[in-house]
């Protein structure tokens, strides 16, 4: 994270998945792992961090839980994808 380049740095799912699992971002990283890593990162930097919330990790109740969790983890915002799973 380099505050001189971008004052609002996104925390991408790929970087967390690569760092924690050594794998690409193909839906293997869990809600809890994103929250845990997000807490560590937001506490370590003084710039706003935007989190990757994927598709909210489930149905509408999970999306509500995800938004609250990302707020509590210290994220300044989040990216939420609209996906349809079959």
PDB file of N, CA and C in Angstrom:
ATOM      1  N   UNK A   1       0.831  -1.156   0.000  1.00  0.00           N
ATOM      2  CA  UNK A   1       0.000   0.000   0.000  1.00  0.00           C
ATOM      3  C   UNK A   1       0.891   1.239   0.000  1.00  0.00           C
ATOM      4  N   UNK A   2       0.691   2.050  -1.005  1.00  0.00           N
ATOM      5  CA  UNK A   2       1.511   3.240  -1.158  1.00  0.00           C
ATOM      6  C   UNK A   2       0.602   4.460  -1.177  1.00  0.00           C
ATOM      7  N   UNK A   3       0.495   5.186  -0.066  1.00  0.00           N
ATOM      8  CA  UNK A   3      -0.412   6.321   0.002  1.00  0.00           C
ATOM      9  C   UNK A   3      -0.097   7.429  -0.983  1.00  0.00           C
ATOM     10  N   UNK A   4       1.134   7.503  -1.484  1.00  0.00           N
ATOM     11  CA  UNK A   4       1.479   8.553  -2.439  1.00  0.00           C
ATOM     12  C   UNK A   4       0.837   8.321  -3.801  1.00  0.00           C
ATOM     13  N   UNK A   5       0.550   7.083  -4.123  1.00  0.00           N
ATOM     14  CA  UNK A   5      -0.046   6.757  -5.419  1.00  0.00           C
ATOM     15  C   UNK A   5      -1.567   6.867  -5.363  1.00  0.00           C
ATOM     16  N   UNK A   6      -2.160   6.261  -4.353  1.00  0.00           N
ATOM     17  CA  UNK A   6      -3.615   6.230  -4.248  1.00  0.00           C
ATOM     18  C   UNK A   6      -4.015   6.355  -2.780  1.00  0.00           C
ATOM     19  N   UNK A   7      -4.732   7.408  -2.421  1.00  0.00           N
ATOM     20  CA  UNK A   7      -5.111   7.582  -1.023  1.00  0.00           C
ATOM     21  C   UNK A   7      -6.171   6.591  -0.555  1.00  0.00           C
ATOM     22  N   UNK A   8      -6.797   5.856  -1.476  1.00  0.00           N
ATOM     23  CA  UNK A   8      -7.798   4.846  -1.144  1.00  0.00           C
ATOM     24  C   UNK A   8      -7.346   3.532  -1.774  1.00  0.00           C
ATOM     25  N   UNK A   9      -6.760   2.665  -0.983  1.00  0.00           N
ATOM     26  CA  UNK A   9      -6.171   1.446  -1.517  1.00  0.00           C
ATOM     27  C   UNK A   9      -7.125   0.265  -1.381  1.00  0.00           C
ATOM     28  N   UNK A  10      -7.436  -0.410  -2.495  1.00  0.00           N
ATOM     29  CA  UNK A  10      -8.301  -1.585  -2.410  1.00  0.00           C
ATOM     30  C   UNK A  10      -7.537  -2.806  -1.906  1.00  0.00           C
ATOM     31  N   UNK A  11      -8.185  -3.606  -1.112  1.00  0.00           N
ATOM     32  CA  UNK A  11      -7.635  -4.868  -0.636  1.00  0.00           C
ATOM     33  C   UNK A  11      -8.307  -5.956  -1.455  1.00  0.00           C
ATOM     34  N   UNK A  12      -7.639  -6.430  -2.476  1.00  0.00           N
ATOM     35  CA  UNK A  12      -8.231  -7.381  -3.409  1.00  0.00           C
ATOM     36  C   UNK A  12      -8.216  -8.797  -2.853  1.00  0.00           C
ATOM     37  N   UNK A  13      -9.247  -9.556  -3.221  1.00  0.00           N
ATOM     38  CA  UNK A  13      -9.327 -10.952  -2.822  1.00  0.00           C
ATOM     39  C   UNK A  13      -8.152 -11.758  -3.325  1.00  0.00           C
ATOM     40  N   UNK A  14      -7.624 -11.377  -4.503  1.00  0.00           N
ATOM     41  CA  UNK A  14      -6.481 -12.112  -5.052  1.00  0.00           C
ATOM     42  C   UNK A  14      -5.271 -12.020  -4.136  1.00  0.00           C
ATOM     43  N   UNK A  15      -4.985 -10.828  -3.627  1.00  0.00           N
ATOM     44  CA  UNK A  15      -3.798 -10.668  -2.784  1.00  0.00           C
ATOM     45  C   UNK A  15      -3.935 -11.436  -1.476  1.00  0.00           C
ATOM     46  N   UNK A  16      -5.131 -11.461  -0.903  1.00  0.00           N
ATOM     47  CA  UNK A  16      -5.355 -12.205   0.336  1.00  0.00           C
ATOM     48  C   UNK A  16      -5.274 -13.697   0.073  1.00  0.00           C
ATOM     49  N   UNK A  17      -5.897 -14.155  -1.008  1.00  0.00           N
ATOM     50  CA  UNK A  17      -5.860 -15.573  -1.361  1.00  0.00           C
ATOM     51  C   UNK A  17      -4.438 -16.033  -1.645  1.00  0.00           C
ATOM     52  N   UNK A  18      -3.682 -15.218  -2.363  1.00  0.00           N
ATOM     53  CA  UNK A  18      -2.296 -15.572  -2.678  1.00  0.00           C
ATOM     54  C   UNK A  18      -1.433 -15.619  -1.416  1.00  0.00           C
ATOM     55  N   UNK A  19      -1.623 -14.646  -0.527  1.00  0.00           N
ATOM     56  CA  UNK A  19      -0.808 -14.573   0.686  1.00  0.00           C
ATOM     57  C   UNK A  19      -1.165 -15.664   1.692  1.00  0.00           C
ATOM     58  N   UNK A  20      -2.456 -15.930   1.865  1.00  0.00           N
ATOM     59  CA  UNK A  20      -2.886 -16.884   2.892  1.00  0.00           C
ATOM     60  C   UNK A  20      -2.900 -18.321   2.415  1.00  0.00           C
ATOM     61  N   UNK A  21      -3.301 -18.523   1.141  1.00  0.00           N
ATOM     62  CA  UNK A  21      -3.468 -19.886   0.641  1.00  0.00           C
ATOM     63  C   UNK A  21      -2.443 -20.285  -0.411  1.00  0.00           C
ATOM     64  N   UNK A  22      -1.776 -19.289  -0.988  1.00  0.00           N
ATOM     65  CA  UNK A  22      -0.860 -19.584  -2.083  1.00  0.00           C
ATOM     66  C   UNK A  22      -1.592 -19.992  -3.347  1.00  0.00           C
ATOM     67  N   UNK A  23      -2.839 -19.541  -3.477  1.00  0.00           N
ATOM     68  CA  UNK A  23      -3.693 -19.909  -4.607  1.00  0.00           C
ATOM     69  C   UNK A  23      -4.344 -18.663  -5.203  1.00  0.00           C
ATOM     70  N   UNK A  24      -4.786 -18.752  -6.473  1.00  0.00           N
ATOM     71  CA  UNK A  24      -5.483 -17.607  -7.070  1.00  0.00           C
ATOM     72  C   UNK A  24      -6.861 -17.422  -6.438  1.00  0.00           C
ATOM     73  N   UNK A  25      -7.467 -16.284  -6.701  1.00  0.00           N
ATOM     74  CA  UNK A  25      -8.790 -15.960  -6.158  1.00  0.00           C
ATOM     75  C   UNK A  25      -9.862 -16.657  -6.993  1.00  0.00           C
ATOM     76  N   UNK A  26     -10.192 -17.874  -6.590  1.00  0.00           N
ATOM     77  CA  UNK A  26     -11.222 -18.648  -7.292  1.00  0.00           C
ATOM     78  C   UNK A  26     -12.339 -19.055  -6.329  1.00  0.00           C
ATOM     79  N   UNK A  27     -12.588 -18.206  -5.336  1.00  0.00           N
ATOM     80  CA  UNK A  27     -13.673 -18.453  -4.396  1.00  0.00           C
ATOM     81  C   UNK A  27     -13.309 -19.340  -3.217  1.00  0.00           C
ATOM     82  N   UNK A  28     -12.031 -19.553  -2.956  1.00  0.00           N
ATOM     83  CA  UNK A  28     -11.619 -20.412  -1.853  1.00  0.00           C
ATOM     84  C   UNK A  28     -11.433 -19.664  -0.540  1.00  0.00           C
ATOM     85  N   UNK A  29     -11.221 -18.354  -0.607  1.00  0.00           N
ATOM     86  CA  UNK A  29     -11.002 -17.573   0.607  1.00  0.00           C
ATOM     87  C   UNK A  29     -12.351 -17.327   1.279  1.00  0.00           C
ATOM     88  N   UNK A  30     -12.411 -17.496   2.578  1.00  0.00           N
ATOM     89  CA  UNK A  30     -13.686 -17.390   3.290  1.00  0.00           C
ATOM     90  C   UNK A  30     -13.920 -15.982   3.825  1.00  0.00           C
ATOM     91  N   UNK A  31     -15.139 -15.760   4.244  1.00  0.00           N
ATOM     92  CA  UNK A  31     -15.512 -14.497   4.877  1.00  0.00           C
ATOM     93  C   UNK A  31     -14.614 -14.233   6.085  1.00  0.00           C
ATOM     94  N   UNK A  32     -14.454 -15.229   6.936  1.00  0.00           N
ATOM     95  CA  UNK A  32     -13.655 -15.075   8.141  1.00  0.00           C
ATOM     96  C   UNK A  32     -12.199 -14.745   7.854  1.00  0.00           C
ATOM     97  N   UNK A  33     -11.640 -15.360   6.815  1.00  0.00           N
ATOM     98  CA  UNK A  33     -10.256 -15.079   6.450  1.00  0.00           C
ATOM     99  C   UNK A  33     -10.100 -13.652   5.937  1.00  0.00           C
ATOM    100  N   UNK A  34     -11.083 -13.166   5.172  1.00  0.00           N
ATOM    101  CA  UNK A  34     -11.025 -11.782   4.682  1.00  0.00           C
ATOM    102  C   UNK A  34     -11.137 -10.801   5.852  1.00  0.00           C
ATOM    103  N   UNK A  35     -12.009 -11.086   6.802  1.00  0.00           N
ATOM    104  CA  UNK A  35     -12.174 -10.217   7.965  1.00  0.00           C
ATOM    105  C   UNK A  35     -10.898 -10.218   8.807  1.00  0.00           C
ATOM    106  N   UNK A  36     -10.342 -11.406   9.070  1.00  0.00           N
ATOM    107  CA  UNK A  36      -9.116 -11.497   9.869  1.00  0.00           C
ATOM    108  C   UNK A  36      -7.982 -10.710   9.231  1.00  0.00           C
ATOM    109  N   UNK A  37      -7.759 -10.927   7.940  1.00  0.00           N
ATOM    110  CA  UNK A  37      -6.669 -10.242   7.254  1.00  0.00           C
ATOM    111  C   UNK A  37      -6.952  -8.739   7.164  1.00  0.00           C
ATOM    112  N   UNK A  38      -8.219  -8.394   6.924  1.00  0.00           N
ATOM    113  CA  UNK A  38      -8.599  -6.987   6.847  1.00  0.00           C
ATOM    114  C   UNK A  38      -8.334  -6.245   8.142  1.00  0.00           C
ATOM    115  N   UNK A  39      -8.630  -6.879   9.283  1.00  0.00           N
ATOM    116  CA  UNK A  39      -8.350  -6.265  10.588  1.00  0.00           C
ATOM    117  C   UNK A  39      -6.866  -5.976  10.733  1.00  0.00           C
ATOM    118  N   UNK A  40      -6.040  -6.940  10.361  1.00  0.00           N
ATOM    119  CA  UNK A  40      -4.590  -6.757  10.482  1.00  0.00           C
ATOM    120  C   UNK A  40      -4.105  -5.599   9.609  1.00  0.00           C
ATOM    121  N   UNK A  41      -4.623  -5.525   8.399  1.00  0.00           N
ATOM    122  CA  UNK A  41      -4.165  -4.499   7.459  1.00  0.00           C
ATOM    123  C   UNK A  41      -4.684  -3.116   7.853  1.00  0.00           C
ATOM    124  N   UNK A  42      -5.976  -3.005   8.171  1.00  0.00           N
ATOM    125  CA  UNK A  42      -6.526  -1.692   8.516  1.00  0.00           C
ATOM    126  C   UNK A  42      -5.920  -1.132   9.796  1.00  0.00           C
ATOM    127  N   UNK A  43      -5.496  -2.008  10.713  1.00  0.00           N
ATOM    128  CA  UNK A  43      -4.839  -1.542  11.930  1.00  0.00           C
ATOM    129  C   UNK A  43      -3.392  -1.100  11.668  1.00  0.00           C
ATOM    130  N   UNK A  44      -2.794  -1.621  10.600  1.00  0.00           N
ATOM    131  CA  UNK A  44      -1.381  -1.357  10.333  1.00  0.00           C
ATOM    132  C   UNK A  44      -1.131  -0.122   9.472  1.00  0.00           C
ATOM    133  N   UNK A  45      -2.162   0.394   8.806  1.00  0.00           N
ATOM    134  CA  UNK A  45      -1.975   1.534   7.906  1.00  0.00           C
ATOM    135  C   UNK A  45      -2.822   2.710   8.356  1.00  0.00           C
ATOM    136  N   UNK A  46      -2.475   3.890   7.863  1.00  0.00           N
ATOM    137  CA  UNK A  46      -3.218   5.093   8.241  1.00  0.00           C
ATOM    138  C   UNK A  46      -4.052   5.635   7.087  1.00  0.00           C
ATOM    139  N   UNK A  47      -4.160   4.875   6.021  1.00  0.00           N
ATOM    140  CA  UNK A  47      -4.958   5.298   4.869  1.00  0.00           C
ATOM    141  C   UNK A  47      -6.235   4.460   4.801  1.00  0.00           C
ATOM    142  N   UNK A  48      -7.287   4.963   4.171  1.00  0.00           N
ATOM    143  CA  UNK A  48      -8.512   4.175   4.029  1.00  0.00           C
ATOM    144  C   UNK A  48      -8.263   2.941   3.170  1.00  0.00           C
ATOM    145  N   UNK A  49      -8.838   1.820   3.579  1.00  0.00           N
ATOM    146  CA  UNK A  49      -8.704   0.566   2.843  1.00  0.00           C
ATOM    147  C   UNK A  49     -10.088   0.105   2.402  1.00  0.00           C
ATOM    148  N   UNK A  50     -10.205  -0.227   1.123  1.00  0.00           N
ATOM    149  CA  UNK A  50     -11.464  -0.726   0.556  1.00  0.00           C
ATOM    150  C   UNK A  50     -11.334  -2.237   0.407  1.00  0.00           C
ATOM    151  N   UNK A  51     -12.279  -2.987   0.943  1.00  0.00           N
ATOM    152  CA  UNK A  51     -12.211  -4.444   0.938  1.00  0.00           C
ATOM    153  C   UNK A  51     -12.997  -5.077  -0.199  1.00  0.00           C
ATOM    154  N   UNK A  52     -12.552  -6.254  -0.606  1.00  0.00           N
ATOM    155  CA  UNK A  52     -13.215  -7.051  -1.642  1.00  0.00           C
ATOM    156  C   UNK A  52     -14.151  -8.037  -0.952  1.00  0.00           C
ATOM    157  N   UNK A  53     -15.449  -7.770  -1.025  1.00  0.00           N
ATOM    158  CA  UNK A  53     -16.438  -8.610  -0.349  1.00  0.00           C
ATOM    159  C   UNK A  53     -17.042  -9.661  -1.269  1.00  0.00           C
ATOM    160  N   UNK A  54     -16.408  -9.898  -2.402  1.00  0.00           N
ATOM    161  CA  UNK A  54     -16.887 -10.874  -3.388  1.00  0.00           C
ATOM    162  C   UNK A  54     -18.385 -10.674  -3.635  1.00  0.00           C
ATOM    163  N   UNK A  55     -19.176 -11.724  -3.437  1.00  0.00           N
ATOM    164  CA  UNK A  55     -20.618 -11.629  -3.684  1.00  0.00           C
ATOM    165  C   UNK A  55     -21.400 -11.526  -2.375  1.00  0.00           C
ATOM    166  N   UNK A  56     -20.716 -11.191  -1.293  1.00  0.00           N
ATOM    167  CA  UNK A  56     -21.381 -11.080  -0.001  1.00  0.00           C
ATOM    168  C   UNK A  56     -21.402 -12.389   0.764  1.00  0.00           C
ATOM    169  N   UNK A  57     -20.820 -13.430   0.187  1.00  0.00           N
ATOM    170  CA  UNK A  57     -20.700 -14.740   0.819  1.00  0.00           C
ATOM    171  C   UNK A  57     -22.042 -15.404   1.097  1.00  0.00           C
ATOM    172  N   UNK A  58     -22.978 -15.296   0.168  1.00  0.00           N
ATOM    173  CA  UNK A  58     -24.239 -16.016   0.320  1.00  0.00           C
ATOM    174  C   UNK A  58     -25.451 -15.186  -0.049  1.00  0.00           C
ATOM    175  N   UNK A  59     -26.535 -15.433   0.666  1.00  0.00           N
ATOM    176  CA  UNK A  59     -27.809 -14.757   0.377  1.00  0.00           C
ATOM    177  C   UNK A  59     -27.850 -13.352   0.981  1.00  0.00           C
ATOM    178  N   UNK A  60     -29.023 -12.745   0.954  1.00  0.00           N
ATOM    179  CA  UNK A  60     -29.142 -11.353   1.413  1.00  0.00           C
ATOM    180  C   UNK A  60     -28.793 -11.189   2.894  1.00  0.00           C
ATOM    181  N   UNK A  61     -29.084 -12.174   3.709  1.00  0.00           N
ATOM    182  CA  UNK A  61     -28.714 -12.088   5.128  1.00  0.00           C
ATOM    183  C   UNK A  61     -27.194 -12.147   5.295  1.00  0.00           C
ATOM    184  N   UNK A  62     -26.533 -12.945   4.461  1.00  0.00           N
ATOM    185  CA  UNK A  62     -25.077 -13.007   4.501  1.00  0.00           C
ATOM    186  C   UNK A  62     -24.459 -11.692   4.039  1.00  0.00           C
ATOM    187  N   UNK A  63     -25.076 -11.047   3.053  1.00  0.00           N
ATOM    188  CA  UNK A  63     -24.574  -9.758   2.578  1.00  0.00           C
ATOM    189  C   UNK A  63     -24.649  -8.734   3.707  1.00  0.00           C
ATOM    190  N   UNK A  64     -25.744  -8.724   4.435  1.00  0.00           N
ATOM    191  CA  UNK A  64     -25.898  -7.805   5.572  1.00  0.00           C
ATOM    192  C   UNK A  64     -24.811  -8.080   6.618  1.00  0.00           C
ATOM    193  N   UNK A  65     -24.564  -9.345   6.916  1.00  0.00           N
ATOM    194  CA  UNK A  65     -23.517  -9.737   7.869  1.00  0.00           C
ATOM    195  C   UNK A  65     -22.138  -9.317   7.348  1.00  0.00           C
ATOM    196  N   UNK A  66     -21.914  -9.494   6.048  1.00  0.00           N
ATOM    197  CA  UNK A  66     -20.633  -9.137   5.440  1.00  0.00           C
ATOM    198  C   UNK A  66     -20.371  -7.641   5.559  1.00  0.00           C
ATOM    199  N   UNK A  67     -21.367  -6.828   5.256  1.00  0.00           N
ATOM    200  CA  UNK A  67     -21.198  -5.371   5.331  1.00  0.00           C
ATOM    201  C   UNK A  67     -20.867  -4.963   6.767  1.00  0.00           C
ATOM    202  N   UNK A  68     -21.603  -5.487   7.736  1.00  0.00           N
ATOM    203  CA  UNK A  68     -21.332  -5.161   9.138  1.00  0.00           C
ATOM    204  C   UNK A  68     -19.942  -5.633   9.556  1.00  0.00           C
ATOM    205  N   UNK A  69     -19.552  -6.820   9.110  1.00  0.00           N
ATOM    206  CA  UNK A  69     -18.236  -7.351   9.453  1.00  0.00           C
ATOM    207  C   UNK A  69     -17.104  -6.519   8.878  1.00  0.00           C
ATOM    208  N   UNK A  70     -17.264  -6.064   7.633  1.00  0.00           N
ATOM    209  CA  UNK A  70     -16.236  -5.239   7.005  1.00  0.00           C
ATOM    210  C   UNK A  70     -16.137  -3.882   7.694  1.00  0.00           C
ATOM    211  N   UNK A  71     -17.264  -3.340   8.120  1.00  0.00           N
ATOM    212  CA  UNK A  71     -17.241  -2.079   8.875  1.00  0.00           C
ATOM    213  C   UNK A  71     -16.500  -2.277  10.194  1.00  0.00           C
ATOM    214  N   UNK A  72     -16.842  -3.335  10.909  1.00  0.00           N
ATOM    215  CA  UNK A  72     -16.197  -3.617  12.199  1.00  0.00           C
ATOM    216  C   UNK A  72     -14.713  -3.913  12.050  1.00  0.00           C
ATOM    217  N   UNK A  73     -14.308  -4.440  10.887  1.00  0.00           N
ATOM    218  CA  UNK A  73     -12.890  -4.737  10.636  1.00  0.00           C
ATOM    219  C   UNK A  73     -12.090  -3.480  10.316  1.00  0.00           C
ATOM    220  N   UNK A  74     -12.784  -2.360  10.119  1.00  0.00           N
ATOM    221  CA  UNK A  74     -12.088  -1.102   9.886  1.00  0.00           C
ATOM    222  C   UNK A  74     -11.985  -0.671   8.431  1.00  0.00           C
ATOM    223  N   UNK A  75     -12.656  -1.392   7.534  1.00  0.00           N
ATOM    224  CA  UNK A  75     -12.627  -0.998   6.127  1.00  0.00           C
ATOM    225  C   UNK A  75     -13.357   0.314   5.918  1.00  0.00           C
ATOM    226  N   UNK A  76     -12.830   1.134   5.030  1.00  0.00           N
ATOM    227  CA  UNK A  76     -13.463   2.408   4.696  1.00  0.00           C
ATOM    228  C   UNK A  76     -14.595   2.202   3.697  1.00  0.00           C
ATOM    229  N   UNK A  77     -14.584   1.099   3.006  1.00  0.00           N
ATOM    230  CA  UNK A  77     -15.608   0.765   2.025  1.00  0.00           C
ATOM    231  C   UNK A  77     -15.412  -0.659   1.560  1.00  0.00           C
ATOM    232  N   UNK A  78     -16.300  -1.108   0.684  1.00  0.00           N
ATOM    233  CA  UNK A  78     -16.153  -2.459   0.158  1.00  0.00           C
ATOM    234  C   UNK A  78     -16.656  -2.534  -1.269  1.00  0.00           C
ATOM    235  N   UNK A  79     -16.154  -3.516  -1.972  1.00  0.00           N
ATOM    236  CA  UNK A  79     -16.588  -3.802  -3.334  1.00  0.00           C
ATOM    237  C   UNK A  79     -17.436  -5.061  -3.259  1.00  0.00           C
ATOM    238  N   UNK A  80     -18.663  -4.966  -3.714  1.00  0.00           N
ATOM    239  CA  UNK A  80     -19.601  -6.074  -3.656  1.00  0.00           C
ATOM    240  C   UNK A  80     -20.021  -6.420  -5.079  1.00  0.00           C
ATOM    241  N   UNK A  81     -19.803  -7.657  -5.474  1.00  0.00           N
ATOM    242  CA  UNK A  81     -20.107  -8.099  -6.828  1.00  0.00           C
ATOM    243  C   UNK A  81     -21.509  -8.695  -6.911  1.00  0.00           C
ATOM    244  N   UNK A  82     -22.183  -8.380  -7.993  1.00  0.00           N
ATOM    245  CA  UNK A  82     -23.497  -8.957  -8.259  1.00  0.00           C
ATOM    246  C   UNK A  82     -23.277 -10.205  -9.115  1.00  0.00           C
ATOM    247  N   UNK A  83     -23.432 -11.376  -8.509  1.00  0.00           N
ATOM    248  CA  UNK A  83     -23.207 -12.632  -9.219  1.00  0.00           C
ATOM    249  C   UNK A  83     -24.408 -13.533  -9.066  1.00  0.00           C
ATOM    250  N   UNK A  84     -24.658 -14.327 -10.082  1.00  0.00           N
ATOM    251  CA  UNK A  84     -25.707 -15.333 -10.034  1.00  0.00           C
ATOM    252  C   UNK A  84     -25.032 -16.687 -10.099  1.00  0.00           C
ATOM    253  N   UNK A  85     -25.278 -17.525  -9.088  1.00  0.00           N
ATOM    254  CA  UNK A  85     -24.673 -18.859  -9.052  1.00  0.00           C
ATOM    255  C   UNK A  85     -25.740 -19.906  -9.346  1.00  0.00           C
ATOM    256  N   UNK A  86     -25.396 -20.837 -10.189  1.00  0.00           N
ATOM    257  CA  UNK A  86     -26.330 -21.915 -10.546  1.00  0.00           C
ATOM    258  C   UNK A  86     -25.864 -23.223  -9.967  1.00  0.00           C
TER     259      UNK A  86
END
